[in-house]
Amino acid sequence: MKQFFFTALFFFTANIIQAQEYTVVGLDGEVENAKPKLTDECEEKMTALKERFLKMYESPEAVNHRKLTEEFFAKVHNKEPMDHPRATNFNEKILFWIEAHLDQTDFSSAEEAKDAWNKKDKALLAYTKANMDYYVMLMQTMETCGSDTVEEFETEMRMVYGMY
């Protein structure tokens, strides 16, 4: 189950599934992008997935995670941290950047930044655990509807709701 959870979360957050477009050239030479029509079963699953997404998005855990994330990045003035030679991942990259540029942030210490980052990460874990059924549904929908359809759905949700 843990493997499935992390696989689903990886596909969901890393956005690695590439959407494909189908190009159709009509007799008049016009080029159109066309998508295959979804089956009734797929339509039903996509409708249910969207309903479950909205429930997840509005969950207290999701609201808390977004709030903590926004507060954290507001304190670094939404700057993109530069690479740091000691950083092996994004967490280290941002925390090392804050430590080196504390005067450019609203944090009083690197420890305060680390505590805020850890609090945000714990909220992400709580949010993910509370909404595990969404990730299961996401994978099941992908099996029925294909990765292109699910990718298009996720892209649309990000455009409408931002990162969730």
N, C-alpha and C. Protein backbone atom coordinates (compact mmCIF):
# COMPACT_ATOMS: atom_id res chain seq x y z
N MET A 1 0.83 -1.20 0.00
CA MET A 1 0.00 0.00 0.00
C MET A 1 0.87 1.26 0.00
N LYS A 2 1.98 1.24 0.77
CA LYS A 2 2.86 2.41 0.80
C LYS A 2 3.43 2.68 -0.59
N GLN A 3 3.83 1.61 -1.28
CA GLN A 3 4.39 1.77 -2.63
C GLN A 3 3.35 2.42 -3.54
N PHE A 4 2.10 1.94 -3.47
CA PHE A 4 1.03 2.50 -4.30
C PHE A 4 0.81 3.97 -3.97
N PHE A 5 0.79 4.30 -2.68
CA PHE A 5 0.58 5.67 -2.25
C PHE A 5 1.65 6.59 -2.82
N PHE A 6 2.91 6.20 -2.69
CA PHE A 6 3.99 7.06 -3.17
C PHE A 6 4.02 7.12 -4.69
N THR A 7 3.64 6.04 -5.36
CA THR A 7 3.56 6.08 -6.82
C THR A 7 2.47 7.04 -7.24
N ALA A 8 1.30 6.94 -6.62
CA ALA A 8 0.20 7.84 -6.97
C ALA A 8 0.56 9.28 -6.65
N LEU A 9 1.15 9.50 -5.51
CA LEU A 9 1.53 10.86 -5.12
C LEU A 9 2.58 11.41 -6.08
N PHE A 10 3.52 10.57 -6.49
CA PHE A 10 4.55 11.02 -7.42
C PHE A 10 3.94 11.46 -8.74
N PHE A 11 3.07 10.63 -9.31
CA PHE A 11 2.43 11.00 -10.58
C PHE A 11 1.62 12.28 -10.40
N PHE A 12 0.96 12.38 -9.26
CA PHE A 12 0.10 13.53 -9.02
C PHE A 12 0.89 14.81 -8.87
N THR A 13 1.94 14.78 -8.06
CA THR A 13 2.66 16.02 -7.77
C THR A 13 3.75 16.35 -8.76
N ALA A 14 4.39 15.34 -9.31
CA ALA A 14 5.49 15.61 -10.22
C ALA A 14 5.01 15.97 -11.62
N ASN A 15 3.76 15.61 -11.90
CA ASN A 15 3.18 15.97 -13.19
C ASN A 15 4.04 15.46 -14.34
N ILE A 16 4.42 14.18 -14.27
CA ILE A 16 5.32 13.66 -15.28
C ILE A 16 4.61 13.02 -16.46
N ILE A 17 3.34 12.78 -16.32
CA ILE A 17 2.63 12.14 -17.42
C ILE A 17 2.39 13.19 -18.48
N GLN A 18 2.86 12.97 -19.65
CA GLN A 18 2.75 13.95 -20.72
C GLN A 18 1.44 13.76 -21.47
N ALA A 19 0.68 14.82 -21.58
CA ALA A 19 -0.55 14.78 -22.36
C ALA A 19 -0.20 14.73 -23.84
N GLN A 20 -0.96 13.97 -24.56
CA GLN A 20 -0.73 13.88 -26.00
C GLN A 20 -1.88 14.54 -26.72
N GLU A 21 -1.58 15.19 -27.81
CA GLU A 21 -2.60 15.75 -28.67
C GLU A 21 -2.58 14.97 -29.97
N TYR A 22 -3.75 14.82 -30.52
CA TYR A 22 -3.87 14.15 -31.80
C TYR A 22 -4.11 15.22 -32.85
N THR A 23 -3.35 15.21 -33.90
CA THR A 23 -3.49 16.21 -34.95
C THR A 23 -4.23 15.59 -36.12
N VAL A 24 -5.25 16.30 -36.56
CA VAL A 24 -6.05 15.86 -37.69
C VAL A 24 -5.98 16.95 -38.75
N VAL A 25 -5.71 16.55 -39.97
CA VAL A 25 -5.71 17.50 -41.08
C VAL A 25 -6.93 17.19 -41.93
N GLY A 26 -7.81 18.18 -42.05
CA GLY A 26 -9.02 18.00 -42.84
C GLY A 26 -8.73 18.07 -44.33
N LEU A 27 -9.75 17.76 -45.13
CA LEU A 27 -9.60 17.79 -46.59
C LEU A 27 -9.28 19.19 -47.09
N ASP A 28 -9.70 20.19 -46.32
CA ASP A 28 -9.42 21.57 -46.73
C ASP A 28 -8.03 22.03 -46.27
N GLY A 29 -7.26 21.14 -45.66
CA GLY A 29 -5.92 21.49 -45.22
C GLY A 29 -5.86 22.11 -43.84
N GLU A 30 -7.03 22.30 -43.20
CA GLU A 30 -7.07 22.86 -41.85
C GLU A 30 -6.55 21.82 -40.86
N VAL A 31 -5.73 22.28 -39.93
CA VAL A 31 -5.19 21.40 -38.90
C VAL A 31 -6.01 21.61 -37.64
N GLU A 32 -6.47 20.50 -37.07
CA GLU A 32 -7.27 20.57 -35.84
C GLU A 32 -6.66 19.63 -34.82
N ASN A 33 -6.77 20.00 -33.59
CA ASN A 33 -6.41 19.07 -32.52
C ASN A 33 -7.68 18.35 -32.12
N ALA A 34 -7.62 17.05 -32.11
CA ALA A 34 -8.80 16.26 -31.80
C ALA A 34 -8.47 15.28 -30.68
N LYS A 35 -9.44 15.05 -29.83
CA LYS A 35 -9.28 14.08 -28.77
C LYS A 35 -10.35 13.02 -28.96
N PRO A 36 -10.02 11.78 -28.63
CA PRO A 36 -11.04 10.74 -28.74
C PRO A 36 -12.16 11.00 -27.74
N LYS A 37 -13.38 10.64 -28.11
CA LYS A 37 -14.53 10.81 -27.22
C LYS A 37 -14.40 9.84 -26.05
N LEU A 38 -14.72 10.33 -24.86
CA LEU A 38 -14.63 9.50 -23.67
C LEU A 38 -15.81 8.54 -23.61
N THR A 39 -15.56 7.36 -23.10
CA THR A 39 -16.63 6.38 -22.92
C THR A 39 -17.53 6.84 -21.77
N ASP A 40 -18.72 6.26 -21.70
CA ASP A 40 -19.64 6.59 -20.60
C ASP A 40 -19.01 6.27 -19.25
N GLU A 41 -18.32 5.12 -19.18
CA GLU A 41 -17.67 4.74 -17.93
C GLU A 41 -16.61 5.77 -17.54
N CYS A 42 -15.85 6.23 -18.52
CA CYS A 42 -14.82 7.22 -18.25
C CYS A 42 -15.44 8.55 -17.83
N GLU A 43 -16.49 8.96 -18.50
CA GLU A 43 -17.20 10.20 -18.13
C GLU A 43 -17.65 10.14 -16.68
N GLU A 44 -18.22 9.01 -16.28
CA GLU A 44 -18.69 8.84 -14.90
C GLU A 44 -17.52 8.92 -13.92
N LYS A 45 -16.43 8.26 -14.26
CA LYS A 45 -15.26 8.29 -13.37
C LYS A 45 -14.66 9.69 -13.27
N MET A 46 -14.62 10.41 -14.38
CA MET A 46 -14.08 11.77 -14.36
C MET A 46 -14.97 12.70 -13.54
N THR A 47 -16.27 12.53 -13.65
CA THR A 47 -17.20 13.34 -12.84
C THR A 47 -16.99 13.06 -11.36
N ALA A 48 -16.88 11.77 -11.01
CA ALA A 48 -16.65 11.40 -9.61
C ALA A 48 -15.29 11.91 -9.13
N LEU A 49 -14.28 11.86 -9.99
CA LEU A 49 -12.95 12.34 -9.62
C LEU A 49 -12.98 13.84 -9.34
N LYS A 50 -13.69 14.58 -10.17
CA LYS A 50 -13.77 16.03 -9.95
C LYS A 50 -14.49 16.34 -8.64
N GLU A 51 -15.57 15.62 -8.35
CA GLU A 51 -16.28 15.82 -7.09
C GLU A 51 -15.36 15.53 -5.91
N ARG A 52 -14.59 14.45 -6.01
CA ARG A 52 -13.68 14.08 -4.93
C ARG A 52 -12.53 15.08 -4.82
N PHE A 53 -12.08 15.61 -5.96
CA PHE A 53 -11.05 16.64 -5.94
C PHE A 53 -11.53 17.86 -5.17
N LEU A 54 -12.76 18.30 -5.45
CA LEU A 54 -13.29 19.49 -4.78
C LEU A 54 -13.43 19.26 -3.28
N LYS A 55 -13.83 18.05 -2.91
CA LYS A 55 -13.92 17.71 -1.48
C LYS A 55 -12.52 17.78 -0.85
N MET A 56 -11.53 17.24 -1.56
CA MET A 56 -10.15 17.27 -1.07
C MET A 56 -9.66 18.71 -0.96
N TYR A 57 -9.89 19.50 -2.00
CA TYR A 57 -9.41 20.88 -2.04
C TYR A 57 -9.96 21.70 -0.88
N GLU A 58 -11.20 21.43 -0.50
CA GLU A 58 -11.86 22.19 0.57
C GLU A 58 -11.66 21.56 1.95
N SER A 59 -10.97 20.44 2.03
CA SER A 59 -10.78 19.78 3.32
C SER A 59 -9.96 20.67 4.26
N PRO A 60 -10.20 20.56 5.56
CA PRO A 60 -9.43 21.37 6.52
C PRO A 60 -7.92 21.16 6.38
N GLU A 61 -7.52 19.94 6.08
CA GLU A 61 -6.09 19.64 5.93
C GLU A 61 -5.50 20.38 4.72
N ALA A 62 -6.25 20.42 3.63
CA ALA A 62 -5.76 21.12 2.43
C ALA A 62 -5.70 22.62 2.67
N VAL A 63 -6.73 23.15 3.31
CA VAL A 63 -6.76 24.58 3.61
C VAL A 63 -5.58 24.95 4.51
N ASN A 64 -5.32 24.13 5.52
CA ASN A 64 -4.20 24.38 6.43
C ASN A 64 -2.87 24.31 5.68
N HIS A 65 -2.69 23.31 4.84
CA HIS A 65 -1.44 23.18 4.09
C HIS A 65 -1.22 24.39 3.18
N ARG A 66 -2.26 24.81 2.47
CA ARG A 66 -2.10 25.98 1.59
C ARG A 66 -1.75 27.23 2.40
N LYS A 67 -2.40 27.39 3.54
CA LYS A 67 -2.14 28.55 4.40
C LYS A 67 -0.68 28.57 4.87
N LEU A 68 -0.20 27.44 5.37
CA LEU A 68 1.18 27.37 5.86
C LEU A 68 2.19 27.56 4.73
N THR A 69 1.89 27.02 3.56
CA THR A 69 2.78 27.19 2.40
C THR A 69 2.83 28.65 1.98
N GLU A 70 1.67 29.29 1.90
CA GLU A 70 1.63 30.71 1.52
C GLU A 70 2.37 31.57 2.53
N GLU A 71 2.17 31.29 3.82
CA GLU A 71 2.85 32.06 4.86
C GLU A 71 4.37 31.89 4.76
N PHE A 72 4.82 30.66 4.53
CA PHE A 72 6.25 30.42 4.42
C PHE A 72 6.85 31.20 3.26
N PHE A 73 6.26 31.06 2.08
CA PHE A 73 6.83 31.72 0.90
C PHE A 73 6.65 33.23 0.93
N ALA A 74 5.65 33.71 1.66
CA ALA A 74 5.53 35.17 1.83
C ALA A 74 6.73 35.70 2.62
N LYS A 75 7.21 34.90 3.58
CA LYS A 75 8.36 35.34 4.38
C LYS A 75 9.67 35.33 3.60
N VAL A 76 9.73 34.58 2.52
CA VAL A 76 10.92 34.63 1.66
C VAL A 76 10.64 35.51 0.45
N HIS A 77 9.53 36.22 0.52
CA HIS A 77 9.13 37.17 -0.53
C HIS A 77 9.03 36.49 -1.88
N ASN A 78 8.61 35.21 -1.84
CA ASN A 78 8.39 34.41 -3.05
C ASN A 78 9.58 34.39 -3.99
N LYS A 79 10.77 34.54 -3.44
CA LYS A 79 11.98 34.48 -4.27
C LYS A 79 12.30 33.03 -4.60
N GLU A 80 12.89 32.84 -5.75
CA GLU A 80 13.35 31.51 -6.15
C GLU A 80 14.76 31.32 -5.63
N PRO A 81 14.95 30.41 -4.67
CA PRO A 81 16.30 30.22 -4.13
C PRO A 81 17.25 29.67 -5.19
N MET A 82 18.47 30.11 -5.12
CA MET A 82 19.49 29.63 -6.04
C MET A 82 20.09 28.34 -5.49
N ASP A 83 20.76 27.61 -6.36
CA ASP A 83 21.39 26.36 -5.93
C ASP A 83 22.44 26.63 -4.85
N HIS A 84 22.55 25.69 -3.98
CA HIS A 84 23.56 25.75 -2.93
C HIS A 84 24.40 24.49 -3.04
N PRO A 85 25.72 24.60 -2.95
CA PRO A 85 26.57 23.42 -3.16
C PRO A 85 26.30 22.28 -2.18
N ARG A 86 25.79 22.57 -0.99
CA ARG A 86 25.52 21.51 -0.01
C ARG A 86 24.14 20.89 -0.20
N ALA A 87 23.29 21.51 -0.99
CA ALA A 87 21.90 21.05 -1.11
C ALA A 87 21.80 19.81 -1.99
N THR A 88 21.09 18.81 -1.47
CA THR A 88 20.86 17.59 -2.24
C THR A 88 19.40 17.45 -2.66
N ASN A 89 18.54 18.34 -2.16
CA ASN A 89 17.13 18.31 -2.53
C ASN A 89 16.54 19.71 -2.35
N PHE A 90 15.28 19.88 -2.73
CA PHE A 90 14.67 21.20 -2.66
C PHE A 90 14.58 21.71 -1.23
N ASN A 91 14.26 20.83 -0.28
CA ASN A 91 14.17 21.26 1.12
C ASN A 91 15.47 21.91 1.56
N GLU A 92 16.57 21.22 1.30
CA GLU A 92 17.87 21.77 1.69
C GLU A 92 18.18 23.04 0.90
N LYS A 93 17.85 23.03 -0.37
CA LYS A 93 18.13 24.18 -1.23
C LYS A 93 17.49 25.45 -0.65
N ILE A 94 16.23 25.36 -0.29
CA ILE A 94 15.54 26.56 0.20
C ILE A 94 16.02 26.93 1.60
N LEU A 95 16.25 25.94 2.45
CA LEU A 95 16.68 26.26 3.81
C LEU A 95 18.11 26.80 3.84
N PHE A 96 18.99 26.25 3.02
CA PHE A 96 20.35 26.81 2.92
C PHE A 96 20.31 28.23 2.36
N TRP A 97 19.45 28.45 1.37
CA TRP A 97 19.33 29.79 0.79
C TRP A 97 18.87 30.78 1.85
N ILE A 98 17.87 30.40 2.64
CA ILE A 98 17.38 31.29 3.70
C ILE A 98 18.49 31.58 4.70
N GLU A 99 19.22 30.55 5.09
CA GLU A 99 20.32 30.74 6.04
C GLU A 99 21.35 31.74 5.50
N ALA A 100 21.65 31.63 4.22
CA ALA A 100 22.66 32.51 3.60
C ALA A 100 22.12 33.91 3.30
N HIS A 101 20.80 34.05 3.20
CA HIS A 101 20.19 35.33 2.83
C HIS A 101 19.10 35.73 3.83
N LEU A 102 19.33 35.44 5.09
CA LEU A 102 18.34 35.70 6.13
C LEU A 102 17.86 37.15 6.12
N ASP A 103 18.75 38.07 5.81
CA ASP A 103 18.39 39.49 5.79
C ASP A 103 17.41 39.84 4.66
N GLN A 104 17.24 38.95 3.69
CA GLN A 104 16.30 39.19 2.59
C GLN A 104 14.94 38.54 2.87
N THR A 105 14.79 37.97 4.06
CA THR A 105 13.54 37.29 4.43
C THR A 105 12.93 37.97 5.65
N ASP A 106 11.75 37.51 6.00
CA ASP A 106 11.11 37.98 7.22
C ASP A 106 11.27 36.99 8.38
N PHE A 107 12.13 36.00 8.20
CA PHE A 107 12.42 35.08 9.29
C PHE A 107 13.46 35.71 10.21
N SER A 108 13.31 35.47 11.51
CA SER A 108 14.28 36.02 12.46
C SER A 108 15.51 35.13 12.60
N SER A 109 15.38 33.87 12.20
CA SER A 109 16.52 32.95 12.26
C SER A 109 16.30 31.81 11.27
N ALA A 110 17.39 31.12 10.98
CA ALA A 110 17.30 29.95 10.11
C ALA A 110 16.48 28.85 10.79
N GLU A 111 16.58 28.79 12.11
CA GLU A 111 15.82 27.79 12.87
C GLU A 111 14.31 28.05 12.75
N GLU A 112 13.91 29.31 12.79
CA GLU A 112 12.50 29.65 12.61
C GLU A 112 12.03 29.20 11.23
N ALA A 113 12.84 29.42 10.22
CA ALA A 113 12.49 29.01 8.85
C ALA A 113 12.36 27.49 8.77
N LYS A 114 13.31 26.79 9.38
CA LYS A 114 13.27 25.33 9.37
C LYS A 114 12.02 24.81 10.07
N ASP A 115 11.67 25.42 11.21
CA ASP A 115 10.46 25.01 11.93
C ASP A 115 9.22 25.25 11.08
N ALA A 116 9.15 26.40 10.40
CA ALA A 116 8.01 26.71 9.55
C ALA A 116 7.93 25.73 8.38
N TRP A 117 9.09 25.39 7.80
CA TRP A 117 9.12 24.44 6.69
C TRP A 117 8.65 23.05 7.16
N ASN A 118 9.13 22.61 8.32
CA ASN A 118 8.73 21.31 8.86
C ASN A 118 7.24 21.28 9.18
N LYS A 119 6.72 22.37 9.70
CA LYS A 119 5.29 22.46 9.99
C LYS A 119 4.48 22.34 8.70
N LYS A 120 4.95 23.00 7.65
CA LYS A 120 4.29 22.92 6.35
C LYS A 120 4.34 21.49 5.81
N ASP A 121 5.49 20.82 5.96
CA ASP A 121 5.62 19.44 5.50
C ASP A 121 4.72 18.49 6.27
N LYS A 122 4.61 18.69 7.58
CA LYS A 122 3.70 17.85 8.38
C LYS A 122 2.26 18.06 7.94
N ALA A 123 1.92 19.29 7.60
CA ALA A 123 0.57 19.58 7.11
C ALA A 123 0.33 18.89 5.77
N LEU A 124 1.35 18.83 4.92
CA LEU A 124 1.23 18.13 3.64
C LEU A 124 0.97 16.65 3.87
N LEU A 125 1.69 16.06 4.80
CA LEU A 125 1.49 14.65 5.10
C LEU A 125 0.08 14.39 5.63
N ALA A 126 -0.40 15.24 6.53
CA ALA A 126 -1.75 15.10 7.07
C ALA A 126 -2.79 15.25 5.95
N TYR A 127 -2.56 16.21 5.09
CA TYR A 127 -3.46 16.46 3.95
C TYR A 127 -3.49 15.26 3.02
N THR A 128 -2.34 14.69 2.73
CA THR A 128 -2.27 13.54 1.84
C THR A 128 -2.93 12.32 2.47
N LYS A 129 -2.65 12.06 3.73
CA LYS A 129 -3.27 10.92 4.42
C LYS A 129 -4.78 11.07 4.49
N ALA A 130 -5.25 12.27 4.78
CA ALA A 130 -6.69 12.50 4.91
C ALA A 130 -7.42 12.33 3.59
N ASN A 131 -6.69 12.47 2.50
CA ASN A 131 -7.31 12.41 1.17
C ASN A 131 -6.79 11.25 0.34
N MET A 132 -6.36 10.20 1.00
CA MET A 132 -5.80 9.04 0.30
C MET A 132 -6.78 8.47 -0.72
N ASP A 133 -8.06 8.50 -0.41
CA ASP A 133 -9.03 7.94 -1.35
C ASP A 133 -9.03 8.70 -2.68
N TYR A 134 -8.68 9.98 -2.66
CA TYR A 134 -8.58 10.72 -3.92
C TYR A 134 -7.47 10.13 -4.79
N TYR A 135 -6.32 9.85 -4.20
CA TYR A 135 -5.19 9.32 -4.96
C TYR A 135 -5.49 7.92 -5.50
N VAL A 136 -6.20 7.12 -4.71
CA VAL A 136 -6.62 5.80 -5.19
C VAL A 136 -7.57 5.98 -6.37
N MET A 137 -8.54 6.89 -6.23
CA MET A 137 -9.48 7.15 -7.31
C MET A 137 -8.76 7.68 -8.55
N LEU A 138 -7.76 8.51 -8.35
CA LEU A 138 -6.98 9.06 -9.45
C LEU A 138 -6.33 7.93 -10.26
N MET A 139 -5.72 6.97 -9.58
CA MET A 139 -5.07 5.86 -10.26
C MET A 139 -6.09 4.96 -10.95
N GLN A 140 -7.22 4.71 -10.31
CA GLN A 140 -8.26 3.89 -10.93
C GLN A 140 -8.84 4.57 -12.17
N THR A 141 -9.00 5.87 -12.09
CA THR A 141 -9.50 6.62 -13.24
C THR A 141 -8.48 6.58 -14.37
N MET A 142 -7.22 6.64 -14.04
CA MET A 142 -6.17 6.57 -15.06
C MET A 142 -6.21 5.22 -15.77
N GLU A 143 -6.48 4.15 -15.03
CA GLU A 143 -6.57 2.82 -15.64
C GLU A 143 -7.72 2.75 -16.64
N THR A 144 -8.83 3.41 -16.32
CA THR A 144 -10.01 3.37 -17.19
C THR A 144 -9.92 4.37 -18.33
N CYS A 145 -9.49 5.58 -18.02
CA CYS A 145 -9.57 6.68 -18.98
C CYS A 145 -8.25 6.98 -19.68
N GLY A 146 -7.17 6.48 -19.16
CA GLY A 146 -5.86 6.74 -19.74
C GLY A 146 -5.18 7.93 -19.10
N SER A 147 -3.87 7.94 -19.20
CA SER A 147 -3.08 8.98 -18.55
C SER A 147 -3.31 10.35 -19.19
N ASP A 148 -3.57 10.39 -20.49
CA ASP A 148 -3.78 11.68 -21.16
C ASP A 148 -4.98 12.41 -20.59
N THR A 149 -6.07 11.68 -20.37
CA THR A 149 -7.29 12.29 -19.85
C THR A 149 -7.08 12.78 -18.43
N VAL A 150 -6.42 11.99 -17.61
CA VAL A 150 -6.16 12.38 -16.22
C VAL A 150 -5.20 13.56 -16.18
N GLU A 151 -4.20 13.56 -17.04
CA GLU A 151 -3.26 14.69 -17.09
C GLU A 151 -3.99 15.97 -17.48
N GLU A 152 -4.87 15.88 -18.44
CA GLU A 152 -5.64 17.06 -18.85
C GLU A 152 -6.49 17.57 -17.69
N PHE A 153 -7.10 16.65 -16.95
CA PHE A 153 -7.90 17.00 -15.77
C PHE A 153 -7.03 17.72 -14.73
N GLU A 154 -5.86 17.16 -14.42
CA GLU A 154 -4.99 17.79 -13.42
C GLU A 154 -4.52 19.16 -13.87
N THR A 155 -4.21 19.30 -15.15
CA THR A 155 -3.79 20.60 -15.68
C THR A 155 -4.90 21.62 -15.51
N GLU A 156 -6.12 21.21 -15.82
CA GLU A 156 -7.27 22.11 -15.67
C GLU A 156 -7.47 22.49 -14.20
N MET A 157 -7.35 21.53 -13.29
CA MET A 157 -7.54 21.81 -11.87
C MET A 157 -6.46 22.78 -11.37
N ARG A 158 -5.23 22.62 -11.84
CA ARG A 158 -4.16 23.54 -11.43
C ARG A 158 -4.41 24.94 -11.97
N MET A 159 -4.93 25.03 -13.18
CA MET A 159 -5.21 26.35 -13.76
C MET A 159 -6.32 27.05 -12.98
N VAL A 160 -7.32 26.30 -12.58
CA VAL A 160 -8.47 26.88 -11.88
C VAL A 160 -8.16 27.13 -10.40
N TYR A 161 -7.53 26.15 -9.74
CA TYR A 161 -7.36 26.21 -8.29
C TYR A 161 -5.93 26.47 -7.84
N GLY A 162 -4.99 26.51 -8.74
CA GLY A 162 -3.59 26.66 -8.35
C GLY A 162 -3.07 25.35 -7.81
N MET A 163 -1.91 25.39 -7.23
CA MET A 163 -1.36 24.17 -6.64
C MET A 163 -2.18 23.84 -5.41
N TYR A 164 -2.45 22.59 -5.24
CA TYR A 164 -3.31 22.17 -4.13
C TYR A 164 -2.59 21.19 -3.28
